[in-house]
């Protein structure tokens, strides 16, 4: 095992957390979430589990921080492409937003585990930090989308949440599961062809149209 030196300063602790998040993220991309444990993360780092416990007590604490990083990147990118005071057609919004969904695939893969697993296994203190980061961005985005599309702020918020949930389900679609693919092949059922540019854009346009009609 490589020599481990416990972090003493805030800078060293931040560096250790970056190492932990990097290892956990790599594991998330290479194995099922349910098979990842603090032991497998510690092994990936070449640390002892006791050393890992000096920074976190559950794997969900690690994945909450990773999700926050990915979430911040996604939300800030949306605030960039939807600047304050701009008006957009639904078609333009759908095209721009679809591109952002495609370029932040990792975020949506984490969202699939966020509400049901990650947020249920962390401390209130850590969850409070996460939620503050979310709402600091979301409230601004909500106002911009409301103005840009001519919908209410509540509708803009619902639109954002709908796309978040759709993206999470899209990138974890059962049709990318090799076992399900094999089962459908055995049943001689041809699975639907996934097409991100088409599917996500159509979903966004459908929601915008529904909201504008119901305003």
N, C-alpha and C. Protein backbone atom coordinates (compact mmCIF):
# COMPACT_ATOMS: atom_id res chain seq x y z
N UNK A 1 0.84 -1.20 0.00
CA UNK A 1 0.00 0.00 0.00
C UNK A 1 0.88 1.25 0.00
N UNK A 2 0.54 2.24 -0.83
CA UNK A 2 1.30 3.48 -0.88
C UNK A 2 1.21 4.20 0.46
N UNK A 3 2.25 4.96 0.78
CA UNK A 3 2.26 5.68 2.06
C UNK A 3 1.11 6.67 2.10
N UNK A 4 0.37 6.66 3.18
CA UNK A 4 -0.76 7.57 3.34
C UNK A 4 -0.43 8.59 4.41
N UNK A 5 -0.62 9.86 4.09
CA UNK A 5 -0.38 10.94 5.05
C UNK A 5 -1.69 11.69 5.22
N UNK A 6 -2.19 11.74 6.44
CA UNK A 6 -3.48 12.38 6.69
C UNK A 6 -3.40 13.88 6.44
N UNK A 7 -4.44 14.41 5.82
CA UNK A 7 -4.50 15.84 5.53
C UNK A 7 -4.65 16.63 6.82
N UNK A 8 -3.94 17.72 6.91
CA UNK A 8 -4.00 18.57 8.10
C UNK A 8 -4.62 19.93 7.80
N UNK A 9 -4.29 20.49 6.66
CA UNK A 9 -4.79 21.81 6.31
C UNK A 9 -6.06 21.68 5.45
N UNK A 10 -6.79 22.78 5.33
CA UNK A 10 -8.00 22.78 4.49
C UNK A 10 -7.64 22.45 3.04
N UNK A 11 -6.49 22.96 2.59
CA UNK A 11 -6.06 22.70 1.22
C UNK A 11 -5.77 21.22 1.01
N UNK A 12 -5.14 20.60 1.99
CA UNK A 12 -4.84 19.17 1.90
C UNK A 12 -6.12 18.34 1.94
N UNK A 13 -7.08 18.77 2.79
CA UNK A 13 -8.35 18.05 2.86
C UNK A 13 -9.11 18.14 1.54
N UNK A 14 -9.06 19.31 0.92
CA UNK A 14 -9.73 19.49 -0.37
C UNK A 14 -9.07 18.60 -1.42
N UNK A 15 -7.74 18.50 -1.35
CA UNK A 15 -7.02 17.64 -2.29
C UNK A 15 -7.41 16.17 -2.09
N UNK A 16 -7.53 15.75 -0.83
CA UNK A 16 -7.92 14.37 -0.54
C UNK A 16 -9.33 14.09 -1.08
N UNK A 17 -10.25 15.04 -0.87
CA UNK A 17 -11.61 14.85 -1.37
C UNK A 17 -11.63 14.77 -2.90
N UNK A 18 -10.78 15.54 -3.55
CA UNK A 18 -10.70 15.48 -5.01
C UNK A 18 -10.24 14.10 -5.45
N UNK A 19 -9.28 13.54 -4.72
CA UNK A 19 -8.79 12.20 -5.03
C UNK A 19 -9.90 11.16 -4.82
N UNK A 20 -10.63 11.32 -3.73
CA UNK A 20 -11.72 10.39 -3.42
C UNK A 20 -12.80 10.46 -4.50
N UNK A 21 -13.19 11.67 -4.88
CA UNK A 21 -14.23 11.84 -5.89
C UNK A 21 -13.80 11.28 -7.24
N UNK A 22 -12.55 11.49 -7.59
CA UNK A 22 -12.04 10.98 -8.86
C UNK A 22 -12.11 9.45 -8.90
N UNK A 23 -11.70 8.82 -7.80
CA UNK A 23 -11.73 7.36 -7.74
C UNK A 23 -13.17 6.84 -7.79
N UNK A 24 -14.06 7.49 -7.04
CA UNK A 24 -15.46 7.07 -7.01
C UNK A 24 -16.13 7.26 -8.37
N UNK A 25 -15.80 8.34 -9.05
CA UNK A 25 -16.37 8.61 -10.36
C UNK A 25 -15.91 7.56 -11.37
N UNK A 26 -14.66 7.18 -11.31
CA UNK A 26 -14.14 6.15 -12.21
C UNK A 26 -14.82 4.81 -11.97
N UNK A 27 -15.06 4.49 -10.71
CA UNK A 27 -15.76 3.25 -10.39
C UNK A 27 -17.20 3.29 -10.89
N UNK A 28 -17.86 4.45 -10.76
CA UNK A 28 -19.25 4.61 -11.19
C UNK A 28 -19.39 4.34 -12.68
N UNK A 29 -18.34 4.66 -13.44
CA UNK A 29 -18.38 4.49 -14.89
C UNK A 29 -18.03 3.07 -15.32
N UNK A 30 -17.52 2.27 -14.39
CA UNK A 30 -17.04 0.95 -14.77
C UNK A 30 -17.77 -0.22 -14.11
N UNK A 31 -18.63 0.08 -13.12
CA UNK A 31 -19.34 -1.01 -12.44
C UNK A 31 -20.68 -0.52 -11.90
N UNK A 32 -21.62 -1.43 -11.61
CA UNK A 32 -22.92 -1.01 -11.08
C UNK A 32 -22.79 -0.27 -9.75
N UNK A 33 -23.64 0.74 -9.58
CA UNK A 33 -23.58 1.55 -8.35
C UNK A 33 -23.75 0.68 -7.11
N UNK A 34 -24.61 -0.31 -7.19
CA UNK A 34 -24.90 -1.14 -6.02
C UNK A 34 -23.70 -1.98 -5.59
N UNK A 35 -22.75 -2.17 -6.48
CA UNK A 35 -21.56 -2.97 -6.16
C UNK A 35 -20.42 -2.12 -5.61
N UNK A 36 -20.58 -0.82 -5.67
CA UNK A 36 -19.53 0.08 -5.16
C UNK A 36 -19.71 0.25 -3.65
N UNK A 37 -18.64 0.09 -2.91
CA UNK A 37 -18.66 0.26 -1.46
C UNK A 37 -17.49 1.14 -1.05
N UNK A 38 -17.46 1.53 0.21
CA UNK A 38 -16.31 2.29 0.69
C UNK A 38 -15.04 1.45 0.57
N UNK A 39 -15.17 0.17 0.69
CA UNK A 39 -14.01 -0.72 0.56
C UNK A 39 -13.45 -0.69 -0.86
N UNK A 40 -14.35 -0.73 -1.86
CA UNK A 40 -13.87 -0.71 -3.24
C UNK A 40 -13.27 0.66 -3.59
N UNK A 41 -13.83 1.72 -3.01
CA UNK A 41 -13.28 3.06 -3.24
C UNK A 41 -11.90 3.17 -2.58
N UNK A 42 -11.78 2.66 -1.36
CA UNK A 42 -10.50 2.70 -0.65
C UNK A 42 -9.46 1.90 -1.43
N UNK A 43 -9.86 0.75 -1.94
CA UNK A 43 -8.95 -0.09 -2.72
C UNK A 43 -8.50 0.63 -3.98
N UNK A 44 -9.43 1.34 -4.64
CA UNK A 44 -9.10 2.10 -5.84
C UNK A 44 -8.06 3.17 -5.53
N UNK A 45 -8.15 3.74 -4.33
CA UNK A 45 -7.23 4.79 -3.90
C UNK A 45 -5.92 4.23 -3.36
N UNK A 46 -5.90 2.91 -3.10
CA UNK A 46 -4.78 2.27 -2.43
C UNK A 46 -4.64 2.78 -1.00
N UNK A 47 -5.80 3.03 -0.38
CA UNK A 47 -5.86 3.44 1.03
C UNK A 47 -6.49 2.30 1.83
N UNK A 48 -6.42 2.44 3.14
CA UNK A 48 -7.19 1.54 4.00
C UNK A 48 -8.58 2.15 4.14
N UNK A 49 -9.55 1.32 4.51
CA UNK A 49 -10.90 1.83 4.72
C UNK A 49 -10.91 2.82 5.89
N UNK A 50 -10.07 2.57 6.89
CA UNK A 50 -9.98 3.47 8.05
C UNK A 50 -9.55 4.86 7.63
N UNK A 51 -8.62 4.94 6.67
CA UNK A 51 -8.17 6.24 6.18
C UNK A 51 -9.29 6.97 5.45
N UNK A 52 -10.07 6.20 4.67
CA UNK A 52 -11.19 6.81 3.94
C UNK A 52 -12.23 7.34 4.92
N UNK A 53 -12.43 6.65 6.03
CA UNK A 53 -13.41 7.07 7.03
C UNK A 53 -13.05 8.40 7.68
N UNK A 54 -11.82 8.84 7.53
CA UNK A 54 -11.43 10.14 8.09
C UNK A 54 -12.09 11.30 7.33
N UNK A 55 -12.62 11.00 6.14
CA UNK A 55 -13.20 12.06 5.30
C UNK A 55 -14.70 11.86 5.04
N UNK A 56 -15.15 10.63 4.98
CA UNK A 56 -16.56 10.35 4.71
C UNK A 56 -17.00 9.15 5.54
N UNK A 57 -18.32 9.04 5.74
CA UNK A 57 -18.85 7.89 6.48
C UNK A 57 -19.74 7.00 5.61
N UNK A 58 -20.20 7.52 4.47
CA UNK A 58 -20.98 6.72 3.52
C UNK A 58 -20.51 7.03 2.11
N UNK A 59 -20.71 6.09 1.21
CA UNK A 59 -20.34 6.35 -0.19
C UNK A 59 -21.24 7.43 -0.79
N UNK A 60 -22.46 7.54 -0.26
CA UNK A 60 -23.38 8.56 -0.78
C UNK A 60 -22.87 9.97 -0.52
N UNK A 61 -22.11 10.18 0.54
CA UNK A 61 -21.54 11.50 0.78
C UNK A 61 -20.58 11.88 -0.34
N UNK A 62 -19.86 10.89 -0.83
CA UNK A 62 -18.94 11.13 -1.94
C UNK A 62 -19.73 11.44 -3.21
N UNK A 63 -20.74 10.62 -3.47
CA UNK A 63 -21.49 10.79 -4.71
C UNK A 63 -22.37 12.03 -4.69
N UNK A 64 -22.75 12.50 -3.52
CA UNK A 64 -23.48 13.75 -3.44
C UNK A 64 -22.58 14.90 -3.89
N UNK A 65 -21.33 14.88 -3.47
CA UNK A 65 -20.40 15.94 -3.86
C UNK A 65 -20.10 15.88 -5.35
N UNK A 66 -19.96 14.67 -5.88
CA UNK A 66 -19.73 14.54 -7.32
C UNK A 66 -20.94 15.07 -8.09
N UNK A 67 -22.13 14.70 -7.63
CA UNK A 67 -23.36 15.18 -8.27
C UNK A 67 -23.44 16.69 -8.21
N UNK A 68 -23.04 17.27 -7.08
CA UNK A 68 -23.06 18.73 -6.96
C UNK A 68 -22.12 19.37 -7.97
N UNK A 69 -20.94 18.79 -8.15
CA UNK A 69 -20.00 19.32 -9.14
C UNK A 69 -20.60 19.28 -10.53
N UNK A 70 -21.19 18.12 -10.88
CA UNK A 70 -21.77 17.96 -12.22
C UNK A 70 -23.00 18.87 -12.38
N UNK A 71 -23.78 18.99 -11.33
CA UNK A 71 -24.97 19.84 -11.36
C UNK A 71 -24.59 21.29 -11.58
N UNK A 72 -23.59 21.76 -10.86
CA UNK A 72 -23.15 23.15 -11.01
C UNK A 72 -22.68 23.43 -12.43
N UNK A 73 -21.94 22.50 -13.01
CA UNK A 73 -21.48 22.66 -14.38
C UNK A 73 -22.67 22.77 -15.34
N UNK A 74 -23.65 21.90 -15.14
CA UNK A 74 -24.84 21.88 -16.00
C UNK A 74 -25.65 23.16 -15.86
N UNK A 75 -25.93 23.58 -14.62
CA UNK A 75 -26.76 24.76 -14.40
C UNK A 75 -26.06 26.03 -14.88
N UNK A 76 -24.77 26.12 -14.65
CA UNK A 76 -24.04 27.31 -15.11
C UNK A 76 -23.99 27.36 -16.64
N UNK A 77 -23.94 26.19 -17.26
CA UNK A 77 -23.96 26.18 -18.73
C UNK A 77 -25.32 26.65 -19.25
N UNK A 78 -26.39 26.26 -18.55
CA UNK A 78 -27.72 26.72 -18.96
C UNK A 78 -27.87 28.23 -18.78
N UNK A 79 -27.31 28.75 -17.70
CA UNK A 79 -27.38 30.20 -17.48
C UNK A 79 -26.58 30.95 -18.53
N UNK A 80 -25.56 30.31 -19.07
CA UNK A 80 -24.76 30.94 -20.13
C UNK A 80 -25.52 30.96 -21.45
N UNK A 81 -26.16 29.85 -21.79
CA UNK A 81 -26.85 29.78 -23.09
C UNK A 81 -28.23 30.44 -23.06
N UNK A 82 -28.75 30.67 -21.85
CA UNK A 82 -30.01 31.39 -21.71
C UNK A 82 -29.77 32.66 -20.89
N UNK A 83 -29.13 33.66 -21.49
CA UNK A 83 -28.79 34.88 -20.77
C UNK A 83 -30.02 35.69 -20.37
N UNK A 84 -29.83 36.53 -19.39
CA UNK A 84 -30.92 37.37 -18.88
C UNK A 84 -31.44 38.30 -19.96
N UNK A 85 -32.77 38.41 -20.06
CA UNK A 85 -33.38 39.38 -20.95
C UNK A 85 -33.56 38.93 -22.38
N UNK A 86 -33.27 37.67 -22.67
CA UNK A 86 -33.38 37.20 -24.04
C UNK A 86 -34.71 36.46 -24.25
N UNK A 87 -35.23 36.60 -25.45
CA UNK A 87 -36.44 35.87 -25.85
C UNK A 87 -36.04 34.79 -26.85
N UNK A 88 -36.66 33.61 -26.71
CA UNK A 88 -36.36 32.52 -27.61
C UNK A 88 -37.65 31.85 -28.08
N UNK A 89 -37.61 31.31 -29.29
CA UNK A 89 -38.73 30.49 -29.74
C UNK A 89 -38.61 29.12 -29.06
N UNK A 90 -39.71 28.41 -28.91
CA UNK A 90 -39.64 27.06 -28.35
C UNK A 90 -38.65 26.17 -29.10
N UNK A 91 -38.61 26.28 -30.40
CA UNK A 91 -37.70 25.48 -31.22
C UNK A 91 -36.24 25.76 -30.85
N UNK A 92 -35.91 27.03 -30.68
CA UNK A 92 -34.55 27.41 -30.31
C UNK A 92 -34.20 26.89 -28.93
N UNK A 93 -35.12 27.06 -27.99
CA UNK A 93 -34.89 26.57 -26.63
C UNK A 93 -34.64 25.07 -26.65
N UNK A 94 -35.45 24.36 -27.40
CA UNK A 94 -35.32 22.90 -27.46
C UNK A 94 -33.97 22.49 -28.04
N UNK A 95 -33.54 23.16 -29.09
CA UNK A 95 -32.25 22.82 -29.71
C UNK A 95 -31.10 23.11 -28.77
N UNK A 96 -31.13 24.28 -28.13
CA UNK A 96 -30.05 24.66 -27.22
C UNK A 96 -30.01 23.74 -26.01
N UNK A 97 -31.17 23.46 -25.45
CA UNK A 97 -31.24 22.64 -24.24
C UNK A 97 -30.82 21.20 -24.51
N UNK A 98 -31.23 20.68 -25.66
CA UNK A 98 -30.84 19.32 -26.02
C UNK A 98 -29.33 19.19 -26.09
N UNK A 99 -28.67 20.21 -26.64
CA UNK A 99 -27.21 20.19 -26.72
C UNK A 99 -26.59 20.16 -25.32
N UNK A 100 -27.19 20.88 -24.38
CA UNK A 100 -26.67 20.90 -23.01
C UNK A 100 -26.90 19.56 -22.32
N UNK A 101 -28.03 18.96 -22.55
CA UNK A 101 -28.30 17.63 -21.98
C UNK A 101 -27.26 16.63 -22.50
N UNK A 102 -27.00 16.68 -23.79
CA UNK A 102 -26.05 15.75 -24.40
C UNK A 102 -24.64 15.93 -23.85
N UNK A 103 -24.26 17.17 -23.57
CA UNK A 103 -22.89 17.42 -23.12
C UNK A 103 -22.72 17.26 -21.61
N UNK A 104 -23.81 16.97 -20.90
CA UNK A 104 -23.73 16.76 -19.44
C UNK A 104 -24.35 15.42 -19.06
N UNK A 105 -24.04 14.42 -19.87
CA UNK A 105 -24.60 13.08 -19.66
C UNK A 105 -24.28 12.54 -18.26
N UNK A 106 -23.07 12.79 -17.77
CA UNK A 106 -22.69 12.28 -16.44
C UNK A 106 -23.63 12.78 -15.35
N UNK A 107 -24.02 14.04 -15.44
CA UNK A 107 -24.91 14.60 -14.43
C UNK A 107 -26.22 13.82 -14.35
N UNK A 108 -26.79 13.52 -15.49
CA UNK A 108 -28.08 12.83 -15.51
C UNK A 108 -27.94 11.38 -15.03
N UNK A 109 -26.82 10.77 -15.26
CA UNK A 109 -26.61 9.41 -14.75
C UNK A 109 -26.58 9.42 -13.22
N UNK A 110 -26.04 10.48 -12.64
CA UNK A 110 -26.03 10.58 -11.18
C UNK A 110 -27.41 10.92 -10.63
N UNK A 111 -28.14 11.74 -11.36
CA UNK A 111 -29.49 12.11 -10.91
C UNK A 111 -30.36 10.87 -10.75
N UNK A 112 -30.13 9.86 -11.56
CA UNK A 112 -30.92 8.63 -11.48
C UNK A 112 -30.84 7.98 -10.10
N UNK A 113 -29.75 8.25 -9.38
CA UNK A 113 -29.58 7.69 -8.04
C UNK A 113 -29.76 8.73 -6.94
N UNK A 114 -29.90 9.98 -7.33
CA UNK A 114 -29.88 11.08 -6.36
C UNK A 114 -31.04 11.03 -5.37
N UNK A 115 -32.27 11.03 -5.86
CA UNK A 115 -33.43 11.15 -4.99
C UNK A 115 -33.71 9.90 -4.18
N UNK A 116 -33.53 8.74 -4.80
CA UNK A 116 -33.91 7.50 -4.14
C UNK A 116 -32.83 6.91 -3.25
N UNK A 117 -31.56 7.21 -3.51
CA UNK A 117 -30.48 6.59 -2.75
C UNK A 117 -29.55 7.61 -2.11
N UNK A 118 -28.95 8.46 -2.92
CA UNK A 118 -27.90 9.35 -2.42
C UNK A 118 -28.41 10.29 -1.34
N UNK A 119 -29.51 11.00 -1.62
CA UNK A 119 -30.00 12.00 -0.66
C UNK A 119 -30.55 11.38 0.62
N UNK A 120 -30.79 10.09 0.62
CA UNK A 120 -31.31 9.42 1.81
C UNK A 120 -30.22 8.88 2.73
N UNK A 121 -28.97 9.02 2.30
CA UNK A 121 -27.88 8.42 3.07
C UNK A 121 -26.73 9.39 3.32
N UNK A 122 -27.09 10.65 3.53
CA UNK A 122 -26.09 11.68 3.84
C UNK A 122 -26.58 12.49 5.04
N UNK A 123 -25.70 13.30 5.59
CA UNK A 123 -26.10 14.12 6.73
C UNK A 123 -26.91 15.32 6.26
N UNK A 124 -27.70 15.87 7.15
CA UNK A 124 -28.49 17.06 6.83
C UNK A 124 -27.57 18.21 6.46
N UNK A 125 -26.43 18.30 7.11
CA UNK A 125 -25.48 19.39 6.84
C UNK A 125 -24.98 19.33 5.40
N UNK A 126 -24.60 18.15 4.95
CA UNK A 126 -24.12 18.01 3.58
C UNK A 126 -25.25 18.25 2.57
N UNK A 127 -26.44 17.77 2.90
CA UNK A 127 -27.57 17.93 2.00
C UNK A 127 -27.98 19.40 1.90
N UNK A 128 -27.84 20.14 2.99
CA UNK A 128 -28.17 21.57 3.00
C UNK A 128 -27.26 22.33 2.05
N UNK A 129 -25.98 22.01 2.06
CA UNK A 129 -25.02 22.65 1.14
C UNK A 129 -25.39 22.35 -0.30
N UNK A 130 -25.74 21.11 -0.55
CA UNK A 130 -26.12 20.68 -1.90
C UNK A 130 -27.36 21.43 -2.38
N UNK A 131 -28.38 21.50 -1.53
CA UNK A 131 -29.63 22.15 -1.91
C UNK A 131 -29.44 23.65 -2.12
N UNK A 132 -28.59 24.26 -1.32
CA UNK A 132 -28.33 25.70 -1.50
C UNK A 132 -27.72 25.95 -2.87
N UNK A 133 -26.76 25.12 -3.24
CA UNK A 133 -26.14 25.27 -4.55
C UNK A 133 -27.17 25.12 -5.66
N UNK A 134 -28.07 24.15 -5.50
CA UNK A 134 -29.10 23.92 -6.51
C UNK A 134 -30.02 25.15 -6.64
N UNK A 135 -30.57 25.60 -5.52
CA UNK A 135 -31.56 26.68 -5.58
C UNK A 135 -30.93 28.03 -5.95
N UNK A 136 -29.67 28.25 -5.59
CA UNK A 136 -29.01 29.49 -6.00
C UNK A 136 -29.00 29.62 -7.51
N UNK A 137 -28.84 28.51 -8.20
CA UNK A 137 -28.83 28.52 -9.67
C UNK A 137 -30.25 28.41 -10.23
N UNK A 138 -31.04 27.52 -9.64
CA UNK A 138 -32.36 27.21 -10.20
C UNK A 138 -33.31 28.40 -10.19
N UNK A 139 -33.27 29.20 -9.13
CA UNK A 139 -34.16 30.36 -9.06
C UNK A 139 -33.87 31.36 -10.16
N UNK A 140 -32.58 31.54 -10.47
CA UNK A 140 -32.20 32.46 -11.55
C UNK A 140 -32.64 31.90 -12.89
N UNK A 141 -32.38 30.63 -13.11
CA UNK A 141 -32.76 29.98 -14.37
C UNK A 141 -34.27 30.02 -14.56
N UNK A 142 -34.99 29.80 -13.49
CA UNK A 142 -36.46 29.81 -13.52
C UNK A 142 -36.98 31.13 -14.05
N UNK A 143 -36.43 32.24 -13.59
CA UNK A 143 -36.85 33.57 -14.02
C UNK A 143 -36.50 33.80 -15.49
N UNK A 144 -35.32 33.36 -15.89
CA UNK A 144 -34.89 33.58 -17.28
C UNK A 144 -35.74 32.79 -18.26
N UNK A 145 -36.04 31.54 -17.91
CA UNK A 145 -36.86 30.73 -18.80
C UNK A 145 -38.29 31.25 -18.87
N UNK A 146 -38.79 31.75 -17.76
CA UNK A 146 -40.12 32.32 -17.72
C UNK A 146 -40.23 33.48 -18.71
N UNK A 147 -39.24 34.36 -18.67
CA UNK A 147 -39.24 35.52 -19.57
C UNK A 147 -38.99 35.10 -21.01
N UNK A 148 -38.04 34.20 -21.20
CA UNK A 148 -37.65 33.80 -22.56
C UNK A 148 -38.78 33.13 -23.31
N UNK A 149 -39.59 32.33 -22.59
CA UNK A 149 -40.64 31.54 -23.24
C UNK A 149 -42.04 32.11 -23.06
N UNK A 150 -42.17 33.10 -22.19
CA UNK A 150 -43.49 33.66 -21.94
C UNK A 150 -44.37 32.71 -21.16
N UNK A 151 -43.78 32.01 -20.19
CA UNK A 151 -44.54 31.12 -19.32
C UNK A 151 -44.35 31.58 -17.88
N UNK A 152 -45.11 31.03 -16.96
CA UNK A 152 -44.96 31.44 -15.56
C UNK A 152 -43.69 30.84 -14.97
N UNK A 153 -43.26 31.38 -13.85
CA UNK A 153 -42.06 30.86 -13.20
C UNK A 153 -42.28 29.45 -12.68
N UNK A 154 -43.49 29.17 -12.22
CA UNK A 154 -43.80 27.80 -11.78
C UNK A 154 -43.72 26.83 -12.95
N UNK A 155 -44.20 27.25 -14.11
CA UNK A 155 -44.12 26.40 -15.29
C UNK A 155 -42.67 26.20 -15.72
N UNK A 156 -41.89 27.26 -15.62
CA UNK A 156 -40.46 27.15 -15.96
C UNK A 156 -39.76 26.16 -15.04
N UNK A 157 -40.12 26.19 -13.77
CA UNK A 157 -39.54 25.26 -12.81
C UNK A 157 -39.97 23.83 -13.14
N UNK A 158 -41.24 23.65 -13.47
CA UNK A 158 -41.72 22.32 -13.84
C UNK A 158 -41.05 21.80 -15.11
N UNK A 159 -40.79 22.71 -16.04
CA UNK A 159 -40.10 22.34 -17.27
C UNK A 159 -38.70 21.84 -16.97
N UNK A 160 -37.99 22.57 -16.12
CA UNK A 160 -36.64 22.18 -15.74
C UNK A 160 -36.63 20.80 -15.08
N UNK A 161 -37.55 20.60 -14.14
CA UNK A 161 -37.61 19.32 -13.43
C UNK A 161 -37.99 18.17 -14.36
N UNK A 162 -38.89 18.45 -15.30
CA UNK A 162 -39.30 17.42 -16.25
C UNK A 162 -38.12 16.97 -17.11
N UNK A 163 -37.32 17.92 -17.55
CA UNK A 163 -36.16 17.59 -18.38
C UNK A 163 -35.11 16.86 -17.56
N UNK A 164 -34.94 17.26 -16.31
CA UNK A 164 -33.98 16.60 -15.43
C UNK A 164 -34.35 15.12 -15.26
N UNK A 165 -35.62 14.87 -14.99
CA UNK A 165 -36.07 13.49 -14.78
C UNK A 165 -36.04 12.69 -16.08
N UNK A 166 -36.39 13.34 -17.17
CA UNK A 166 -36.36 12.66 -18.46
C UNK A 166 -34.92 12.30 -18.84
N UNK A 167 -34.01 13.24 -18.62
CA UNK A 167 -32.60 12.97 -18.93
C UNK A 167 -32.05 11.82 -18.11
N UNK A 168 -32.42 11.79 -16.82
CA UNK A 168 -31.95 10.71 -15.95
C UNK A 168 -32.45 9.36 -16.44
N UNK A 169 -33.72 9.30 -16.84
CA UNK A 169 -34.27 8.04 -17.32
C UNK A 169 -33.72 7.68 -18.69
N UNK A 170 -33.42 8.69 -19.51
CA UNK A 170 -32.92 8.44 -20.86
C UNK A 170 -31.53 7.80 -20.83
N UNK A 171 -30.66 8.36 -19.98
CA UNK A 171 -29.29 7.87 -19.97
C UNK A 171 -29.12 6.58 -19.15
N UNK A 172 -30.17 6.17 -18.45
CA UNK A 172 -30.12 4.89 -17.75
C UNK A 172 -31.20 3.96 -18.32
N UNK A 173 -31.60 4.24 -19.54
CA UNK A 173 -32.66 3.48 -20.20
C UNK A 173 -32.37 1.99 -20.17
N UNK A 174 -33.40 1.21 -19.90
CA UNK A 174 -33.22 -0.24 -19.82
C UNK A 174 -32.69 -0.83 -21.12
N UNK A 175 -32.88 -0.13 -22.22
CA UNK A 175 -32.44 -0.65 -23.51
C UNK A 175 -30.93 -0.62 -23.69
N UNK A 176 -30.21 0.01 -22.76
CA UNK A 176 -28.75 -0.03 -22.82
C UNK A 176 -28.21 -1.14 -21.90
N UNK A 177 -29.10 -1.82 -21.21
CA UNK A 177 -28.73 -2.95 -20.36
C UNK A 177 -28.52 -4.18 -21.24
N UNK A 178 -27.31 -4.73 -21.29
CA UNK A 178 -27.05 -5.87 -22.18
C UNK A 178 -27.92 -7.09 -21.89
N UNK A 179 -28.30 -7.29 -20.62
CA UNK A 179 -29.17 -8.42 -20.27
C UNK A 179 -30.56 -8.25 -20.88
N UNK A 180 -31.08 -7.02 -20.82
CA UNK A 180 -32.40 -6.76 -21.40
C UNK A 180 -32.35 -6.85 -22.92
N UNK A 181 -31.26 -6.38 -23.50
CA UNK A 181 -31.10 -6.49 -24.95
C UNK A 181 -31.15 -7.96 -25.38
N UNK A 182 -30.46 -8.81 -24.61
CA UNK A 182 -30.45 -10.23 -24.93
C UNK A 182 -31.84 -10.85 -24.74
N UNK A 183 -32.55 -10.43 -23.68
CA UNK A 183 -33.89 -10.95 -23.43
C UNK A 183 -34.84 -10.58 -24.56
N UNK A 184 -34.77 -9.32 -25.02
CA UNK A 184 -35.63 -8.89 -26.12
C UNK A 184 -35.29 -9.62 -27.41
N UNK A 185 -33.99 -9.90 -27.59
CA UNK A 185 -33.57 -10.64 -28.77
C UNK A 185 -34.16 -12.05 -28.75
N UNK A 186 -34.16 -12.66 -27.57
CA UNK A 186 -34.75 -13.99 -27.42
C UNK A 186 -36.24 -13.97 -27.74
N UNK A 187 -36.90 -12.88 -27.34
CA UNK A 187 -38.33 -12.73 -27.57
C UNK A 187 -38.65 -12.24 -28.98
N UNK A 188 -37.59 -11.97 -29.75
CA UNK A 188 -37.74 -11.45 -31.11
C UNK A 188 -38.49 -10.12 -31.13
N UNK A 189 -38.18 -9.28 -30.12
CA UNK A 189 -38.75 -7.94 -30.03
C UNK A 189 -37.66 -6.93 -30.36
N UNK A 190 -37.91 -6.08 -31.32
CA UNK A 190 -36.94 -5.07 -31.70
C UNK A 190 -37.09 -3.85 -30.81
N UNK A 191 -36.06 -3.51 -30.03
CA UNK A 191 -36.17 -2.36 -29.13
C UNK A 191 -36.20 -1.05 -29.91
N UNK A 192 -36.79 -0.05 -29.30
CA UNK A 192 -36.83 1.28 -29.92
C UNK A 192 -35.41 1.81 -30.08
N UNK A 193 -35.16 2.41 -31.21
CA UNK A 193 -33.85 3.00 -31.45
C UNK A 193 -33.76 4.34 -30.71
N UNK A 194 -32.76 4.46 -29.84
CA UNK A 194 -32.58 5.71 -29.10
C UNK A 194 -31.90 6.75 -29.97
N UNK A 195 -32.41 7.97 -29.94
CA UNK A 195 -31.84 9.07 -30.71
C UNK A 195 -31.96 10.32 -29.86
N UNK A 196 -30.88 10.67 -29.20
CA UNK A 196 -30.90 11.78 -28.23
C UNK A 196 -31.39 13.08 -28.84
N UNK A 197 -30.81 13.46 -29.98
CA UNK A 197 -31.16 14.74 -30.60
C UNK A 197 -32.64 14.82 -30.92
N UNK A 198 -33.22 13.70 -31.30
CA UNK A 198 -34.65 13.68 -31.63
C UNK A 198 -35.52 13.57 -30.37
N UNK A 199 -35.19 12.60 -29.53
CA UNK A 199 -36.05 12.28 -28.39
C UNK A 199 -36.12 13.41 -27.36
N UNK A 200 -34.97 13.93 -26.97
CA UNK A 200 -34.96 14.98 -25.96
C UNK A 200 -35.58 16.26 -26.51
N UNK A 201 -35.25 16.59 -27.74
CA UNK A 201 -35.82 17.80 -28.34
C UNK A 201 -37.34 17.70 -28.42
N UNK A 202 -37.84 16.55 -28.86
CA UNK A 202 -39.30 16.37 -28.95
C UNK A 202 -39.95 16.48 -27.58
N UNK A 203 -39.28 15.93 -26.56
CA UNK A 203 -39.83 15.98 -25.21
C UNK A 203 -39.90 17.42 -24.70
N UNK A 204 -38.86 18.19 -24.96
CA UNK A 204 -38.84 19.59 -24.53
C UNK A 204 -39.93 20.39 -25.24
N UNK A 205 -40.03 20.22 -26.54
CA UNK A 205 -41.05 20.94 -27.31
C UNK A 205 -42.46 20.57 -26.85
N UNK A 206 -42.68 19.29 -26.57
CA UNK A 206 -43.99 18.84 -26.11
C UNK A 206 -44.36 19.52 -24.80
N UNK A 207 -43.41 19.62 -23.88
CA UNK A 207 -43.68 20.24 -22.59
C UNK A 207 -43.91 21.74 -22.71
N UNK A 208 -43.11 22.40 -23.55
CA UNK A 208 -43.29 23.84 -23.73
C UNK A 208 -44.65 24.13 -24.34
N UNK A 209 -45.01 23.36 -25.35
CA UNK A 209 -46.32 23.55 -26.01
C UNK A 209 -47.46 23.35 -25.01
N UNK A 210 -47.36 22.32 -24.20
CA UNK A 210 -48.40 22.04 -23.20
C UNK A 210 -48.50 23.16 -22.18
N UNK A 211 -47.35 23.69 -21.75
CA UNK A 211 -47.35 24.75 -20.74
C UNK A 211 -47.89 26.06 -21.31
N UNK A 212 -47.51 26.37 -22.53
CA UNK A 212 -47.98 27.63 -23.11
C UNK A 212 -49.49 27.59 -23.36
N UNK A 213 -49.99 26.41 -23.72
CA UNK A 213 -51.44 26.28 -23.93
C UNK A 213 -52.21 26.33 -22.62
N UNK A 214 -51.57 25.87 -21.56
CA UNK A 214 -52.26 25.83 -20.28
C UNK A 214 -52.04 27.06 -19.44
N UNK A 215 -51.29 28.01 -19.94
CA UNK A 215 -51.00 29.22 -19.15
C UNK A 215 -52.27 30.02 -18.93
